[in-house]
Amino acid sequence: MQVVSCKASKVLLFFLIALPLNGMVASGTVREHVSLAYDSPHHEAAGLIVDNSLNFTQSGVLVRNNIVITAAHGMQLLLNAKYPMKDLGSYILVTPKQLTVTFTIIPNHEVTYDVEYVLLDSRYVRFEPGDQHKFDIAILKLSQHVDGITPVNIEDELVLEPDIPMLVLTWGNADLPSQKLKRGFYLYEWSLFFPNVDEDPLANYRTVMISSLFFDPANELPKEQPGINEPESMQRRYFALKSWLKDKRPYGLALPGTSGAPVFVETKILGKRRVHLFGLVMGYATLGEEMRMISKNSEEFSKNPSSAYNKYQTIITTPFRLNMQPTANINENKHFVIDKRYLKMVEDLSNGSIS
């Protein structure tokens, strides 16, 4: 899958690879990453998606007691396999053959559900210019309701501080192929991306893409903030390192199969801590303006994470859009509002209005 996008004042071209693999490159021990996942208040809702017929896996998250959302590019394989589908105009409904979602409440205690339908936004399927990445979200309907697990709520709006860390919950195992582990890692820096080409002028306001740099962990913060003329990697490493030094929790780079992994943000409202779903991991890409194909072999990064420092970024897709009202984004905070089309897709598939 090719994605072309534009970052504010300069063009960033890259390829994202949608592979039937899972994995991640991260700091800290495996135990630390597993503990981080299970310490999250929403860890039970993070699911492992497996297609035993097409032999691919990715991550997802429960948002209704019978609905899981994930990255659409993995579900594209269902269309390529010519599984039964219905073109509903705004949506494409696919009937999978052997697609399942597995949840764990505690380690080594699994419960698995069959997927009845997969709903894709037709804007993603038809690859309208510049739109692919913004609609890289698929809705899965389970064949029965999930018991004992609280679905994650999708908020109507969120306000994000500039240096707020983002927590990823994933079932990656390319670096540990003999194990199936739910793990967590933080993204400590992010920036907004907008489409390079888009026939719909409103799409800029509808859904944005976020990126986060995989940075060198040397904990020496430069005495001065890099200037605007310094390389992008230097500027973004500064902000990632500044945020990471506050608590030094495990961080990582999402490799392709971590696609669909939920990304959470934490806010404090009136002194009360709350954790919110913000988006899904879509892939990873190189920094810089040149077009560059990323290696399909994640083993290199797993064995030598330092080879990726300051060169690669995790890409997130989100069902939120940036509120472009002049008074909405002040003091560097960013105000996001939900794209209600996604909420309608979730509700209609959940209650049987789409079948």
Protein backbone atom coordinates (compact mmCIF):
# COMPACT_ATOMS: atom_id res chain seq x y z
CA MET A 1 0.00 0.00 0.00
CA GLN A 2 1.37 3.39 -0.96
CA VAL A 3 0.68 6.45 1.12
CA VAL A 4 1.66 9.96 0.06
CA SER A 5 1.20 12.82 2.48
CA CYS A 6 2.30 16.35 3.23
CA LYS A 7 3.53 17.67 6.56
CA ALA A 8 2.60 21.31 7.02
CA SER A 9 5.18 23.24 5.02
CA LYS A 10 7.08 20.42 3.36
CA VAL A 11 6.30 17.24 1.48
CA LEU A 12 6.98 13.88 3.06
CA LEU A 13 6.76 10.89 0.75
CA PHE A 14 6.88 7.34 1.99
CA PHE A 15 5.62 3.79 1.60
CA LEU A 16 3.89 1.87 4.34
CA ILE A 17 4.14 -1.89 4.18
CA ALA A 18 1.05 -3.91 5.16
CA LEU A 19 2.45 -7.33 6.04
CA PRO A 20 1.01 -10.44 7.69
CA LEU A 21 3.52 -10.02 10.52
CA ASN A 22 3.49 -8.68 14.05
CA GLY A 23 6.33 -7.07 15.90
CA MET A 24 7.86 -4.04 17.48
CA VAL A 25 11.21 -2.50 18.31
CA ALA A 26 11.28 -1.13 21.82
CA SER A 27 13.26 -0.13 24.88
CA GLY A 28 13.13 -2.08 28.12
CA THR A 29 12.66 -5.79 28.79
CA VAL A 30 9.80 -7.93 27.53
CA ARG A 31 8.52 -8.18 31.10
CA GLU A 32 8.41 -4.39 31.41
CA HIS A 33 6.38 -4.11 28.21
CA VAL A 34 3.96 -6.87 29.29
CA SER A 35 3.53 -5.21 32.70
CA LEU A 36 2.90 -1.87 31.02
CA ALA A 37 0.11 -3.40 28.94
CA TYR A 38 -1.63 -5.14 31.84
CA ASP A 39 -1.35 -2.04 34.02
CA SER A 40 -3.44 -0.10 31.48
CA PRO A 41 -7.09 0.39 32.49
CA HIS A 42 -8.20 -0.63 28.99
CA HIS A 43 -5.88 -3.57 28.35
CA GLU A 44 -8.72 -6.16 28.34
CA ALA A 45 -10.24 -4.49 25.27
CA ALA A 46 -7.05 -4.88 23.19
CA GLY A 47 -7.56 -7.89 20.92
CA LEU A 48 -5.45 -10.15 18.72
CA ILE A 49 -6.96 -10.52 15.24
CA VAL A 50 -6.08 -13.71 13.36
CA ASP A 51 -7.09 -14.99 9.93
CA ASN A 52 -6.30 -18.69 9.85
CA SER A 53 -7.20 -18.98 6.18
CA LEU A 54 -5.01 -16.14 4.88
CA ASN A 55 -2.43 -16.53 7.68
CA PHE A 56 -2.12 -12.97 8.95
CA THR A 57 -2.44 -11.32 12.34
CA GLN A 58 -2.84 -7.77 13.64
CA SER A 59 -4.21 -5.92 16.66
CA GLY A 60 -7.52 -4.21 17.38
CA VAL A 61 -9.70 -2.85 20.17
CA LEU A 62 -13.22 -3.56 21.44
CA VAL A 63 -15.42 -0.42 21.24
CA ARG A 64 -18.87 -2.06 21.63
CA ASN A 65 -19.62 -5.46 23.13
CA ASN A 66 -19.78 -6.90 19.60
CA ILE A 67 -17.57 -4.43 17.65
CA VAL A 68 -13.78 -4.26 17.21
CA ILE A 69 -11.98 -1.58 15.23
CA THR A 70 -8.63 -2.14 13.53
CA ALA A 71 -6.51 -1.00 10.58
CA ALA A 72 -8.20 -1.39 7.20
CA HIS A 73 -5.10 -2.32 5.22
CA GLY A 74 -4.95 -5.77 6.81
CA MET A 75 -8.61 -6.32 5.96
CA GLN A 76 -7.78 -5.42 2.36
CA LEU A 77 -6.42 -8.96 2.13
CA LEU A 78 -10.00 -10.23 2.49
CA LEU A 79 -10.98 -8.30 -0.64
CA ASN A 80 -7.93 -9.54 -2.50
CA ALA A 81 -8.97 -13.11 -1.62
CA LYS A 82 -12.36 -12.38 -3.21
CA TYR A 83 -14.36 -13.20 -0.11
CA PRO A 84 -18.13 -12.50 -0.34
CA MET A 85 -18.79 -8.75 -0.26
CA LYS A 86 -21.57 -6.21 -0.68
CA ASP A 87 -21.05 -2.74 -2.13
CA LEU A 88 -23.34 -0.51 -0.05
CA GLY A 89 -22.22 2.73 -1.65
CA SER A 90 -20.66 4.49 1.32
CA TYR A 91 -19.44 1.19 2.76
CA ILE A 92 -18.08 -2.17 1.66
CA LEU A 93 -19.26 -5.16 3.72
CA VAL A 94 -17.10 -8.29 3.62
CA THR A 95 -17.89 -11.76 5.01
CA PRO A 96 -14.67 -13.39 6.25
CA LYS A 97 -14.06 -17.14 6.42
CA GLN A 98 -11.78 -17.81 9.38
CA LEU A 99 -11.27 -14.43 11.06
CA THR A 100 -11.19 -14.35 14.87
CA VAL A 101 -10.44 -11.93 17.72
CA THR A 102 -8.83 -13.10 20.97
CA PHE A 103 -8.87 -11.23 24.30
CA THR A 104 -7.06 -11.86 27.60
CA ILE A 105 -8.13 -10.61 31.01
CA ILE A 106 -5.07 -12.12 32.66
CA PRO A 107 -1.99 -13.61 30.93
CA ASN A 108 -2.50 -17.10 29.49
CA HIS A 109 -6.29 -16.93 29.88
CA GLU A 110 -7.75 -16.39 26.43
CA VAL A 111 -11.24 -16.09 24.99
CA THR A 112 -11.75 -16.09 21.22
CA TYR A 113 -14.67 -14.88 19.10
CA ASP A 114 -15.47 -15.37 15.42
CA VAL A 115 -15.85 -12.30 13.19
CA GLU A 116 -19.15 -12.22 11.29
CA TYR A 117 -18.63 -9.10 9.13
CA VAL A 118 -15.94 -6.57 8.23
CA LEU A 119 -17.06 -3.04 7.28
CA LEU A 120 -14.75 -0.77 5.28
CA ASP A 121 -15.21 2.87 4.37
CA SER A 122 -15.60 3.01 0.58
CA ARG A 123 -13.30 6.05 0.57
CA TYR A 124 -10.52 3.73 1.70
CA VAL A 125 -11.37 0.84 -0.63
CA ARG A 126 -11.55 3.04 -3.71
CA PHE A 127 -8.27 4.79 -2.83
CA GLU A 128 -9.36 8.29 -3.70
CA PRO A 129 -6.22 10.43 -4.12
CA GLY A 130 -4.69 11.45 -0.81
CA ASP A 131 -7.41 9.79 1.24
CA GLN A 132 -6.07 6.30 1.88
CA HIS A 133 -4.33 6.91 5.17
CA LYS A 134 -7.17 8.95 6.63
CA PHE A 135 -9.69 6.15 6.20
CA ASP A 136 -7.46 3.25 7.21
CA ILE A 137 -9.95 2.03 9.83
CA ALA A 138 -12.05 -1.13 9.59
CA ILE A 139 -15.06 -2.11 11.72
CA LEU A 140 -15.42 -5.80 12.71
CA LYS A 141 -18.67 -7.31 13.97
CA LEU A 142 -18.29 -10.34 16.21
CA SER A 143 -20.68 -13.28 15.90
CA GLN A 144 -21.64 -12.93 19.58
CA HIS A 145 -21.32 -10.38 22.35
CA VAL A 146 -18.18 -10.27 24.47
CA ASP A 147 -18.82 -10.95 28.16
CA GLY A 148 -16.72 -9.70 31.06
CA ILE A 149 -14.78 -7.07 29.12
CA THR A 150 -15.67 -3.37 29.12
CA PRO A 151 -15.51 -1.83 25.64
CA VAL A 152 -13.46 1.34 25.19
CA ASN A 153 -15.54 4.48 24.79
CA ILE A 154 -14.98 6.71 21.76
CA GLU A 155 -15.17 10.32 22.95
CA ASP A 156 -16.85 13.11 21.00
CA GLU A 157 -13.84 15.41 21.44
CA LEU A 158 -10.35 15.46 22.95
CA VAL A 159 -7.81 18.18 23.77
CA LEU A 160 -4.19 17.02 23.49
CA GLU A 161 -1.24 18.79 25.04
CA PRO A 162 1.84 19.07 22.77
CA ASP A 163 4.09 16.68 24.74
CA ILE A 164 1.46 14.21 25.95
CA PRO A 165 2.71 10.59 25.67
CA MET A 166 0.63 8.06 23.73
CA LEU A 167 0.32 4.44 24.90
CA VAL A 168 0.17 1.63 22.32
CA LEU A 169 -1.21 -1.83 23.22
CA THR A 170 -0.15 -4.49 20.74
CA TRP A 171 0.09 -8.26 20.26
CA GLY A 172 3.35 -8.06 18.30
CA ASN A 173 5.47 -11.22 18.14
CA ALA A 174 7.78 -10.97 15.11
CA ASP A 175 10.69 -10.37 17.48
CA LEU A 176 9.43 -13.24 19.70
CA PRO A 177 7.89 -15.65 17.16
CA SER A 178 7.46 -18.49 19.64
CA GLN A 179 5.37 -16.34 22.01
CA LYS A 180 2.02 -14.61 21.87
CA LEU A 181 2.20 -11.62 24.21
CA LYS A 182 0.13 -8.52 24.75
CA ARG A 183 2.58 -5.68 25.29
CA GLY A 184 2.63 -1.92 25.64
CA PHE A 185 4.95 0.91 24.74
CA TYR A 186 4.83 4.69 24.69
CA LEU A 187 5.16 7.19 21.88
CA TYR A 188 6.72 10.32 23.35
CA GLU A 189 6.50 12.82 20.53
CA TRP A 190 4.05 13.48 17.71
CA SER A 191 3.22 15.84 14.90
CA LEU A 192 0.29 16.27 12.53
CA PHE A 193 0.26 15.27 8.87
CA PHE A 194 -2.16 16.42 6.19
CA PRO A 195 -2.79 14.92 2.76
CA ASN A 196 -0.69 15.91 -0.21
CA VAL A 197 -3.46 15.51 -2.79
CA ASP A 198 -7.12 15.61 -1.92
CA GLU A 199 -10.16 16.21 -4.10
CA ASP A 200 -12.31 16.97 -1.07
CA PRO A 201 -11.27 20.29 0.52
CA LEU A 202 -13.06 19.38 3.73
CA ALA A 203 -10.97 16.25 4.17
CA ASN A 204 -8.14 18.30 5.67
CA TYR A 205 -10.43 19.01 8.58
CA ARG A 206 -11.86 15.54 8.88
CA THR A 207 -9.18 13.05 9.85
CA VAL A 208 -5.48 13.62 10.42
CA MET A 209 -2.51 11.31 10.70
CA ILE A 210 -0.07 11.46 13.60
CA SER A 211 3.56 10.37 13.64
CA SER A 212 6.02 9.65 16.43
CA LEU A 213 9.81 9.46 16.14
CA PHE A 214 11.75 6.41 17.36
CA PHE A 215 14.53 8.25 19.18
CA ASP A 216 17.99 7.66 20.57
CA PRO A 217 17.53 7.02 24.32
CA ALA A 218 20.74 8.75 25.46
CA ASN A 219 19.35 10.83 28.32
CA GLU A 220 21.32 14.00 27.76
CA LEU A 221 18.94 16.76 26.77
CA PRO A 222 20.64 19.53 24.76
CA LYS A 223 20.97 22.75 26.74
CA GLU A 224 19.17 24.65 24.00
CA GLN A 225 16.17 23.69 21.94
CA PRO A 226 17.17 23.08 18.28
CA GLY A 227 16.23 25.92 15.96
CA ILE A 228 13.75 25.70 13.12
CA ASN A 229 16.60 25.38 10.62
CA GLU A 230 18.00 22.27 12.32
CA PRO A 231 17.23 18.82 10.82
CA GLU A 232 13.76 17.45 11.49
CA SER A 233 15.20 14.40 13.29
CA MET A 234 17.14 16.66 15.70
CA GLN A 235 14.12 18.81 16.49
CA ARG A 236 11.79 15.89 17.04
CA ARG A 237 14.31 13.89 19.08
CA TYR A 238 14.61 16.88 21.42
CA PHE A 239 10.88 16.90 22.18
CA ALA A 240 10.68 13.10 22.44
CA LEU A 241 13.62 12.99 24.86
CA LYS A 242 12.27 15.90 26.89
CA SER A 243 8.96 14.09 27.37
CA TRP A 244 10.58 10.68 28.01
CA LEU A 245 12.84 12.02 30.76
CA LYS A 246 9.79 12.73 32.92
CA ASP A 247 9.18 9.04 33.68
CA LYS A 248 11.45 6.94 31.38
CA ARG A 249 8.78 4.37 30.61
CA PRO A 250 9.31 1.90 27.74
CA TYR A 251 8.90 3.34 24.27
CA GLY A 252 8.96 1.74 20.84
CA LEU A 253 8.62 1.71 17.08
CA ALA A 254 5.65 -0.15 15.62
CA LEU A 255 6.60 -2.60 12.90
CA PRO A 256 4.00 -3.47 10.25
CA GLY A 257 2.00 -6.19 11.97
CA THR A 258 1.30 -3.99 14.97
CA SER A 259 -1.22 -2.43 12.58
CA GLY A 260 -4.57 -1.74 14.23
CA ALA A 261 -3.12 -1.57 17.75
CA PRO A 262 -5.06 0.94 19.88
CA VAL A 263 -3.34 4.18 20.85
CA PHE A 264 -4.41 5.84 24.11
CA VAL A 265 -3.85 9.30 25.57
CA GLU A 266 -4.17 10.41 29.18
CA THR A 267 -5.74 13.64 30.38
CA LYS A 268 -6.44 15.20 33.74
CA ILE A 269 -9.79 16.92 34.16
CA LEU A 270 -10.33 18.67 37.51
CA GLY A 271 -7.41 16.66 38.88
CA LYS A 272 -8.91 13.32 37.82
CA ARG A 273 -6.90 11.03 35.52
CA ARG A 274 -8.66 9.66 32.47
CA VAL A 275 -7.42 7.49 29.59
CA HIS A 276 -8.96 7.89 26.13
CA LEU A 277 -8.75 6.03 22.84
CA PHE A 278 -7.27 8.32 20.20
CA GLY A 279 -6.39 6.18 17.20
CA LEU A 280 -4.82 3.04 15.73
CA VAL A 281 -1.31 2.18 14.59
CA MET A 282 -1.19 2.22 10.79
CA GLY A 283 2.47 1.46 10.11
CA TYR A 284 5.90 3.02 10.15
CA ALA A 285 7.89 5.14 7.74
CA THR A 286 11.18 6.91 7.21
CA LEU A 287 11.78 10.54 8.03
CA GLY A 288 12.70 12.91 5.26
CA GLU A 289 11.45 14.17 1.94
CA GLU A 290 12.66 11.37 -0.30
CA MET A 291 10.42 8.48 -1.32
CA ARG A 292 11.81 5.32 0.22
CA MET A 293 10.69 1.72 0.37
CA ILE A 294 10.92 0.22 3.86
CA SER A 295 12.43 -3.24 4.18
CA LYS A 296 9.91 -6.05 4.55
CA ASN A 297 12.23 -7.78 7.00
CA SER A 298 11.63 -6.52 10.55
CA GLU A 299 14.31 -8.85 11.90
CA GLU A 300 17.01 -6.22 11.31
CA PHE A 301 15.29 -3.71 13.59
CA SER A 302 14.54 -6.35 16.23
CA LYS A 303 18.18 -7.42 16.44
CA ASN A 304 19.63 -3.91 16.14
CA PRO A 305 17.13 -1.24 17.32
CA SER A 306 19.82 1.47 17.18
CA SER A 307 19.74 1.24 13.38
CA ALA A 308 16.29 2.84 13.51
CA TYR A 309 17.03 5.65 15.96
CA ASN A 310 16.04 9.10 14.68
CA LYS A 311 15.29 7.67 11.22
CA TYR A 312 11.85 6.08 11.54
CA GLN A 313 8.45 7.03 12.87
CA THR A 314 5.31 5.22 13.92
CA ILE A 315 2.27 6.34 11.93
CA ILE A 316 -1.16 6.57 13.59
CA THR A 317 -4.54 6.96 11.95
CA THR A 318 -7.38 8.43 13.98
CA PRO A 319 -11.16 8.75 13.69
CA PHE A 320 -10.84 12.31 14.99
CA ARG A 321 -10.44 15.46 12.94
CA LEU A 322 -8.66 18.62 13.95
CA ASN A 323 -11.05 21.39 14.93
CA MET A 324 -10.01 24.27 12.67
CA GLN A 325 -11.98 26.99 14.46
CA PRO A 326 -9.62 29.88 15.35
CA THR A 327 -10.43 29.67 19.05
CA ALA A 328 -10.17 25.87 19.28
CA ASN A 329 -6.38 25.48 19.37
CA ILE A 330 -4.66 27.74 21.87
CA ASN A 331 -1.49 27.49 23.97
CA GLU A 332 -0.18 24.79 21.58
CA ASN A 333 -2.94 22.40 22.67
CA LYS A 334 -4.81 20.67 19.84
CA HIS A 335 -8.57 20.26 19.90
CA PHE A 336 -9.92 17.19 18.09
CA VAL A 337 -13.52 16.24 17.33
CA ILE A 338 -14.81 12.83 16.24
CA ASP A 339 -15.65 12.07 12.62
CA LYS A 340 -19.28 11.04 13.12
CA ARG A 341 -19.22 8.87 10.01
CA TYR A 342 -17.12 6.36 11.94
CA LEU A 343 -19.53 6.43 14.87
CA LYS A 344 -22.40 5.75 12.48
CA MET A 345 -20.48 2.81 10.96
CA VAL A 346 -19.92 1.38 14.44
CA GLU A 347 -23.54 1.83 15.58
CA ASP A 348 -25.16 0.60 12.36
CA LEU A 349 -23.03 -2.54 12.20
CA SER A 350 -23.52 -3.21 15.91
CA ASN A 351 -27.33 -2.94 15.89
CA GLY A 352 -27.83 -4.84 12.64
CA SER A 353 -28.75 -1.89 10.42
CA ILE A 354 -25.93 -3.05 8.12
CA SER A 355 -25.89 -6.76 7.28
